[in-house]
């Protein structure tokens, strides 16, 4: 559950920072945080497509491994 602790800490810090900023700065900070959250969510959803089948997972694995190993090439 460490991720939950980081999320709580992040939100607490964000609320403290928004309280210190004026209205325009707080709005900009909130919009940028929401944009960052949406982008990372999209990246997670795209990455989850790899786990749909063993073949797609193996293909992704062979792309990341050094191509100098002949028995792991996907060709």
PDB file of N, CA and C in Angstrom:
ATOM      1  N   UNK A   1       0.786  -1.202   0.000  1.00  0.00           N
ATOM      2  CA  UNK A   1       0.000   0.000   0.000  1.00  0.00           C
ATOM      3  C   UNK A   1       0.837   1.279   0.000  1.00  0.00           C
ATOM      4  N   UNK A   2       2.126   1.223  -0.315  1.00  0.00           N
ATOM      5  CA  UNK A   2       2.890   2.476  -0.326  1.00  0.00           C
ATOM      6  C   UNK A   2       2.365   3.467  -1.359  1.00  0.00           C
ATOM      7  N   UNK A   3       1.819   2.989  -2.462  1.00  0.00           N
ATOM      8  CA  UNK A   3       1.308   3.890  -3.486  1.00  0.00           C
ATOM      9  C   UNK A   3       0.162   4.736  -2.945  1.00  0.00           C
ATOM     10  N   UNK A   4      -0.661   4.155  -2.101  1.00  0.00           N
ATOM     11  CA  UNK A   4      -1.763   4.904  -1.510  1.00  0.00           C
ATOM     12  C   UNK A   4      -1.233   6.033  -0.619  1.00  0.00           C
ATOM     13  N   UNK A   5      -0.182   5.766   0.100  1.00  0.00           N
ATOM     14  CA  UNK A   5       0.437   6.791   0.937  1.00  0.00           C
ATOM     15  C   UNK A   5       1.001   7.934   0.103  1.00  0.00           C
ATOM     16  N   UNK A   6       1.632   7.592  -1.032  1.00  0.00           N
ATOM     17  CA  UNK A   6       2.152   8.632  -1.916  1.00  0.00           C
ATOM     18  C   UNK A   6       1.019   9.474  -2.497  1.00  0.00           C
ATOM     19  N   UNK A   7      -0.084   8.848  -2.840  1.00  0.00           N
ATOM     20  CA  UNK A   7      -1.232   9.588  -3.377  1.00  0.00           C
ATOM     21  C   UNK A   7      -1.809  10.540  -2.338  1.00  0.00           C
ATOM     22  N   UNK A   8      -1.934  10.069  -1.103  1.00  0.00           N
ATOM     23  CA  UNK A   8      -2.454  10.930  -0.036  1.00  0.00           C
ATOM     24  C   UNK A   8      -1.498  12.095   0.219  1.00  0.00           C
ATOM     25  N   UNK A   9      -0.210  11.813   0.234  1.00  0.00           N
ATOM     26  CA  UNK A   9       0.787  12.863   0.435  1.00  0.00           C
ATOM     27  C   UNK A   9       0.759  13.868  -0.707  1.00  0.00           C
ATOM     28  N   UNK A  10       0.620  13.397  -1.931  1.00  0.00           N
ATOM     29  CA  UNK A  10       0.571  14.274  -3.100  1.00  0.00           C
ATOM     30  C   UNK A  10      -0.648  15.192  -3.048  1.00  0.00           C
ATOM     31  N   UNK A  11      -1.802  14.635  -2.743  1.00  0.00           N
ATOM     32  CA  UNK A  11      -3.026  15.434  -2.683  1.00  0.00           C
ATOM     33  C   UNK A  11      -2.951  16.451  -1.542  1.00  0.00           C
ATOM     34  N   UNK A  12      -2.400  16.054  -0.418  1.00  0.00           N
ATOM     35  CA  UNK A  12      -2.256  16.982   0.713  1.00  0.00           C
ATOM     36  C   UNK A  12      -1.321  18.137   0.327  1.00  0.00           C
ATOM     37  N   UNK A  13      -0.213  17.812  -0.301  1.00  0.00           N
ATOM     38  CA  UNK A  13       0.717  18.858  -0.746  1.00  0.00           C
ATOM     39  C   UNK A  13       0.102  19.755  -1.808  1.00  0.00           C
ATOM     40  N   UNK A  14      -0.659  19.162  -2.704  1.00  0.00           N
ATOM     41  CA  UNK A  14      -1.328  19.938  -3.746  1.00  0.00           C
ATOM     42  C   UNK A  14      -2.354  20.892  -3.150  1.00  0.00           C
ATOM     43  N   UNK A  15      -3.100  20.439  -2.154  1.00  0.00           N
ATOM     44  CA  UNK A  15      -4.089  21.317  -1.524  1.00  0.00           C
ATOM     45  C   UNK A  15      -3.408  22.452  -0.757  1.00  0.00           C
ATOM     46  N   UNK A  16      -2.286  22.166  -0.104  1.00  0.00           N
ATOM     47  CA  UNK A  16      -1.538  23.223   0.589  1.00  0.00           C
ATOM     48  C   UNK A  16      -0.989  24.247  -0.410  1.00  0.00           C
ATOM     49  N   UNK A  17      -0.488  23.750  -1.544  1.00  0.00           N
ATOM     50  CA  UNK A  17       0.057  24.636  -2.566  1.00  0.00           C
ATOM     51  C   UNK A  17      -1.037  25.493  -3.194  1.00  0.00           C
ATOM     52  N   UNK A  18      -2.201  24.902  -3.439  1.00  0.00           N
ATOM     53  CA  UNK A  18      -3.329  25.660  -3.994  1.00  0.00           C
ATOM     54  C   UNK A  18      -3.808  26.723  -3.019  1.00  0.00           C
ATOM     55  N   UNK A  19      -3.726  26.445  -1.724  1.00  0.00           N
ATOM     56  CA  UNK A  19      -4.144  27.425  -0.729  1.00  0.00           C
ATOM     57  C   UNK A  19      -3.201  28.625  -0.711  1.00  0.00           C
ATOM     58  N   UNK A  20      -1.925  28.393  -1.007  1.00  0.00           N
ATOM     59  CA  UNK A  20      -0.950  29.484  -0.998  1.00  0.00           C
ATOM     60  C   UNK A  20      -1.008  30.325  -2.275  1.00  0.00           C
ATOM     61  N   UNK A  21      -1.414  29.721  -3.379  1.00  0.00           N
ATOM     62  CA  UNK A  21      -1.462  30.442  -4.649  1.00  0.00           C
ATOM     63  C   UNK A  21      -2.761  31.225  -4.768  1.00  0.00           C
ATOM     64  N   UNK A  22      -2.721  32.189  -5.634  1.00  0.00           N
ATOM     65  CA  UNK A  22      -3.947  32.921  -5.925  1.00  0.00           C
ATOM     66  C   UNK A  22      -4.830  32.086  -6.839  1.00  0.00           C
ATOM     67  N   UNK A  23      -5.985  32.591  -7.173  1.00  0.00           N
ATOM     68  CA  UNK A  23      -6.972  31.826  -7.946  1.00  0.00           C
ATOM     69  C   UNK A  23      -6.423  31.345  -9.291  1.00  0.00           C
ATOM     70  N   UNK A  24      -5.738  32.188 -10.024  1.00  0.00           N
ATOM     71  CA  UNK A  24      -5.221  31.819 -11.350  1.00  0.00           C
ATOM     72  C   UNK A  24      -4.139  30.744 -11.237  1.00  0.00           C
ATOM     73  N   UNK A  25      -3.257  30.883 -10.273  1.00  0.00           N
ATOM     74  CA  UNK A  25      -2.200  29.900 -10.087  1.00  0.00           C
ATOM     75  C   UNK A  25      -2.738  28.553  -9.634  1.00  0.00           C
ATOM     76  N   UNK A  26      -3.754  28.586  -8.777  1.00  0.00           N
ATOM     77  CA  UNK A  26      -4.353  27.345  -8.299  1.00  0.00           C
ATOM     78  C   UNK A  26      -5.086  26.633  -9.427  1.00  0.00           C
ATOM     79  N   UNK A  27      -5.753  27.387 -10.290  1.00  0.00           N
ATOM     80  CA  UNK A  27      -6.453  26.787 -11.436  1.00  0.00           C
ATOM     81  C   UNK A  27      -5.459  26.158 -12.406  1.00  0.00           C
ATOM     82  N   UNK A  28      -4.368  26.860 -12.675  1.00  0.00           N
ATOM     83  CA  UNK A  28      -3.334  26.327 -13.565  1.00  0.00           C
ATOM     84  C   UNK A  28      -2.723  25.056 -12.992  1.00  0.00           C
ATOM     85  N   UNK A  29      -2.463  25.053 -11.715  1.00  0.00           N
ATOM     86  CA  UNK A  29      -1.896  23.871 -11.058  1.00  0.00           C
ATOM     87  C   UNK A  29      -2.864  22.692 -11.108  1.00  0.00           C
ATOM     88  N   UNK A  30      -4.133  22.949 -10.888  1.00  0.00           N
ATOM     89  CA  UNK A  30      -5.139  21.885 -10.924  1.00  0.00           C
ATOM     90  C   UNK A  30      -5.287  21.318 -12.331  1.00  0.00           C
ATOM     91  N   UNK A  31      -5.326  22.186 -13.337  1.00  0.00           N
ATOM     92  CA  UNK A  31      -5.461  21.730 -14.727  1.00  0.00           C
ATOM     93  C   UNK A  31      -4.243  20.917 -15.150  1.00  0.00           C
ATOM     94  N   UNK A  32      -3.058  21.365 -14.788  1.00  0.00           N
ATOM     95  CA  UNK A  32      -1.855  20.609 -15.156  1.00  0.00           C
ATOM     96  C   UNK A  32      -1.796  19.260 -14.448  1.00  0.00           C
ATOM     97  N   UNK A  33      -2.271  19.194 -13.215  1.00  0.00           N
ATOM     98  CA  UNK A  33      -2.299  17.922 -12.489  1.00  0.00           C
ATOM     99  C   UNK A  33      -3.296  16.952 -13.119  1.00  0.00           C
ATOM    100  N   UNK A  34      -4.450  17.465 -13.503  1.00  0.00           N
ATOM    101  CA  UNK A  34      -5.452  16.612 -14.154  1.00  0.00           C
ATOM    102  C   UNK A  34      -4.937  16.136 -15.513  1.00  0.00           C
ATOM    103  N   UNK A  35      -4.274  17.002 -16.255  1.00  0.00           N
ATOM    104  CA  UNK A  35      -3.698  16.613 -17.548  1.00  0.00           C
ATOM    105  C   UNK A  35      -2.647  15.522 -17.371  1.00  0.00           C
ATOM    106  N   UNK A  36      -1.806  15.676 -16.367  1.00  0.00           N
ATOM    107  CA  UNK A  36      -0.791  14.659 -16.080  1.00  0.00           C
ATOM    108  C   UNK A  36      -1.430  13.333 -15.700  1.00  0.00           C
ATOM    109  N   UNK A  37      -2.477  13.382 -14.905  1.00  0.00           N
ATOM    110  CA  UNK A  37      -3.196  12.181 -14.511  1.00  0.00           C
ATOM    111  C   UNK A  37      -3.822  11.485 -15.721  1.00  0.00           C
ATOM    112  N   UNK A  38      -4.405  12.249 -16.623  1.00  0.00           N
ATOM    113  CA  UNK A  38      -5.015  11.679 -17.829  1.00  0.00           C
ATOM    114  C   UNK A  38      -3.953  11.045 -18.720  1.00  0.00           C
ATOM    115  N   UNK A  39      -2.815  11.704 -18.884  1.00  0.00           N
ATOM    116  CA  UNK A  39      -1.756  11.154 -19.734  1.00  0.00           C
ATOM    117  C   UNK A  39      -1.193   9.849 -19.176  1.00  0.00           C
ATOM    118  N   UNK A  40      -0.964   9.797 -17.869  1.00  0.00           N
ATOM    119  CA  UNK A  40      -0.454   8.559 -17.277  1.00  0.00           C
ATOM    120  C   UNK A  40      -1.506   7.452 -17.295  1.00  0.00           C
ATOM    121  N   UNK A  41      -2.779   7.808 -17.179  1.00  0.00           N
ATOM    122  CA  UNK A  41      -3.851   6.809 -17.287  1.00  0.00           C
ATOM    123  C   UNK A  41      -3.900   6.236 -18.686  1.00  0.00           C
ATOM    124  N   UNK A  42      -3.761   7.088 -19.685  1.00  0.00           N
ATOM    125  CA  UNK A  42      -3.759   6.623 -21.071  1.00  0.00           C
ATOM    126  C   UNK A  42      -2.569   5.704 -21.336  1.00  0.00           C
ATOM    127  N   UNK A  43      -1.403   6.064 -20.797  1.00  0.00           N
ATOM    128  CA  UNK A  43      -0.220   5.225 -20.959  1.00  0.00           C
ATOM    129  C   UNK A  43      -0.437   3.852 -20.313  1.00  0.00           C
ATOM    130  N   UNK A  44      -1.092   3.812 -19.166  1.00  0.00           N
ATOM    131  CA  UNK A  44      -1.369   2.549 -18.486  1.00  0.00           C
ATOM    132  C   UNK A  44      -2.323   1.688 -19.296  1.00  0.00           C
ATOM    133  N   UNK A  45      -3.364   2.297 -19.849  1.00  0.00           N
ATOM    134  CA  UNK A  45      -4.326   1.539 -20.654  1.00  0.00           C
ATOM    135  C   UNK A  45      -3.653   0.987 -21.900  1.00  0.00           C
ATOM    136  N   UNK A  46      -2.821   1.770 -22.567  1.00  0.00           N
ATOM    137  CA  UNK A  46      -2.103   1.287 -23.750  1.00  0.00           C
ATOM    138  C   UNK A  46      -1.138   0.167 -23.386  1.00  0.00           C
ATOM    139  N   UNK A  47      -0.508   0.278 -22.230  1.00  0.00           N
ATOM    140  CA  UNK A  47       0.441  -0.755 -21.811  1.00  0.00           C
ATOM    141  C   UNK A  47      -0.284  -2.049 -21.434  1.00  0.00           C
ATOM    142  N   UNK A  48      -1.513  -1.947 -20.956  1.00  0.00           N
ATOM    143  CA  UNK A  48      -2.278  -3.133 -20.584  1.00  0.00           C
ATOM    144  C   UNK A  48      -2.664  -3.981 -21.787  1.00  0.00           C
ATOM    145  N   UNK A  49      -2.657  -3.404 -22.990  1.00  0.00           N
ATOM    146  CA  UNK A  49      -2.962  -4.174 -24.196  1.00  0.00           C
ATOM    147  C   UNK A  49      -1.925  -5.265 -24.437  1.00  0.00           C
ATOM    148  N   UNK A  50      -0.725  -5.067 -23.943  1.00  0.00           N
ATOM    149  CA  UNK A  50       0.339  -6.053 -24.104  1.00  0.00           C
ATOM    150  C   UNK A  50      -0.005  -7.334 -23.352  1.00  0.00           C
ATOM    151  N   UNK A  51      -0.694  -7.224 -22.245  1.00  0.00           N
ATOM    152  CA  UNK A  51      -0.980  -8.370 -21.397  1.00  0.00           C
ATOM    153  C   UNK A  51      -2.196  -9.170 -21.855  1.00  0.00           C
ATOM    154  N   UNK A  52      -2.792  -8.829 -22.996  1.00  0.00           N
ATOM    155  CA  UNK A  52      -3.975  -9.551 -23.461  1.00  0.00           C
ATOM    156  C   UNK A  52      -3.658 -10.974 -23.906  1.00  0.00           C
ATOM    157  N   UNK A  53      -2.498 -11.182 -24.485  1.00  0.00           N
ATOM    158  CA  UNK A  53      -2.135 -12.529 -24.921  1.00  0.00           C
ATOM    159  C   UNK A  53      -0.655 -12.778 -24.623  1.00  0.00           C
ATOM    160  N   UNK A  54      -0.309 -14.034 -24.573  1.00  0.00           N
ATOM    161  CA  UNK A  54       1.088 -14.392 -24.328  1.00  0.00           C
ATOM    162  C   UNK A  54       1.964 -13.995 -25.507  1.00  0.00           C
ATOM    163  N   UNK A  55       1.403 -14.075 -26.706  1.00  0.00           N
ATOM    164  CA  UNK A  55       2.171 -13.725 -27.902  1.00  0.00           C
ATOM    165  C   UNK A  55       2.565 -12.243 -27.899  1.00  0.00           C
ATOM    166  N   UNK A  56       1.619 -11.375 -27.568  1.00  0.00           N
ATOM    167  CA  UNK A  56       1.941  -9.944 -27.553  1.00  0.00           C
ATOM    168  C   UNK A  56       2.944  -9.619 -26.446  1.00  0.00           C
ATOM    169  N   UNK A  57       2.842 -10.299 -25.326  1.00  0.00           N
ATOM    170  CA  UNK A  57       3.798 -10.096 -24.246  1.00  0.00           C
ATOM    171  C   UNK A  57       5.189 -10.560 -24.659  1.00  0.00           C
ATOM    172  N   UNK A  58       5.271 -11.706 -25.344  1.00  0.00           N
ATOM    173  CA  UNK A  58       6.559 -12.221 -25.798  1.00  0.00           C
ATOM    174  C   UNK A  58       7.164 -11.306 -26.859  1.00  0.00           C
ATOM    175  N   UNK A  59       6.316 -10.780 -27.767  1.00  0.00           N
ATOM    176  CA  UNK A  59       6.828  -9.866 -28.787  1.00  0.00           C
ATOM    177  C   UNK A  59       7.403  -8.608 -28.152  1.00  0.00           C
ATOM    178  N   UNK A  60       6.727  -8.070 -27.173  1.00  0.00           N
ATOM    179  CA  UNK A  60       7.223  -6.874 -26.487  1.00  0.00           C
ATOM    180  C   UNK A  60       8.526  -7.184 -25.755  1.00  0.00           C
ATOM    181  N   UNK A  61       8.626  -8.373 -25.176  1.00  0.00           N
ATOM    182  CA  UNK A  61       9.831  -8.779 -24.470  1.00  0.00           C
ATOM    183  C   UNK A  61      11.002  -8.909 -25.425  1.00  0.00           C
ATOM    184  N   UNK A  62      10.783  -9.497 -26.594  1.00  0.00           N
ATOM    185  CA  UNK A  62      11.878  -9.692 -27.541  1.00  0.00           C
ATOM    186  C   UNK A  62      12.327  -8.382 -28.165  1.00  0.00           C
ATOM    187  N   UNK A  63      11.457  -7.388 -28.211  1.00  0.00           N
ATOM    188  CA  UNK A  63      11.868  -6.090 -28.727  1.00  0.00           C
ATOM    189  C   UNK A  63      12.821  -5.417 -27.741  1.00  0.00           C
ATOM    190  N   UNK A  64      12.576  -5.571 -26.453  1.00  0.00           N
ATOM    191  CA  UNK A  64      13.395  -4.913 -25.442  1.00  0.00           C
ATOM    192  C   UNK A  64      14.732  -5.607 -25.203  1.00  0.00           C
ATOM    193  N   UNK A  65      14.801  -6.901 -25.495  1.00  0.00           N
ATOM    194  CA  UNK A  65      16.046  -7.642 -25.277  1.00  0.00           C
ATOM    195  C   UNK A  65      16.999  -7.347 -26.423  1.00  0.00           C
ATOM    196  N   UNK A  66      18.278  -7.387 -26.133  1.00  0.00           N
ATOM    197  CA  UNK A  66      19.296  -7.150 -27.146  1.00  0.00           C
ATOM    198  C   UNK A  66      19.078  -8.079 -28.337  1.00  0.00           C
ATOM    199  N   UNK A  67      19.078  -7.528 -29.531  1.00  0.00           N
ATOM    200  CA  UNK A  67      18.818  -8.333 -30.728  1.00  0.00           C
ATOM    201  C   UNK A  67      20.000  -9.221 -31.105  1.00  0.00           C
ATOM    202  N   UNK A  68      21.081  -9.165 -30.376  1.00  0.00           N
ATOM    203  CA  UNK A  68      22.222 -10.022 -30.640  1.00  0.00           C
ATOM    204  C   UNK A  68      22.006 -11.460 -30.194  1.00  0.00           C
ATOM    205  N   UNK A  69      20.946 -11.743 -29.467  1.00  0.00           N
ATOM    206  CA  UNK A  69      20.651 -13.099 -29.016  1.00  0.00           C
ATOM    207  C   UNK A  69      19.779 -13.749 -30.092  1.00  0.00           C
ATOM    208  N   UNK A  70      20.315 -14.702 -30.863  1.00  0.00           N
ATOM    209  CA  UNK A  70      19.604 -15.195 -32.040  1.00  0.00           C
ATOM    210  C   UNK A  70      18.329 -15.993 -31.737  1.00  0.00           C
ATOM    211  N   UNK A  71      18.251 -16.709 -30.622  1.00  0.00           N
ATOM    212  CA  UNK A  71      17.072 -17.549 -30.385  1.00  0.00           C
ATOM    213  C   UNK A  71      15.880 -16.767 -29.843  1.00  0.00           C
ATOM    214  N   UNK A  72      16.030 -15.491 -29.530  1.00  0.00           N
ATOM    215  CA  UNK A  72      14.912 -14.688 -29.056  1.00  0.00           C
ATOM    216  C   UNK A  72      14.400 -13.693 -30.091  1.00  0.00           C
ATOM    217  N   UNK A  73      14.953 -13.740 -31.298  1.00  0.00           N
ATOM    218  CA  UNK A  73      14.466 -12.830 -32.329  1.00  0.00           C
ATOM    219  C   UNK A  73      13.075 -13.231 -32.746  1.00  0.00           C
ATOM    220  N   UNK A  74      12.254 -12.242 -33.053  1.00  0.00           N
ATOM    221  CA  UNK A  74      10.862 -12.534 -33.424  1.00  0.00           C
ATOM    222  C   UNK A  74      10.706 -12.798 -34.915  1.00  0.00           C
ATOM    223  N   UNK A  75      11.770 -12.841 -35.678  1.00  0.00           N
ATOM    224  CA  UNK A  75      11.685 -13.100 -37.116  1.00  0.00           C
ATOM    225  C   UNK A  75      11.558 -14.568 -37.425  1.00  0.00           C
TER     226      UNK A  75
END
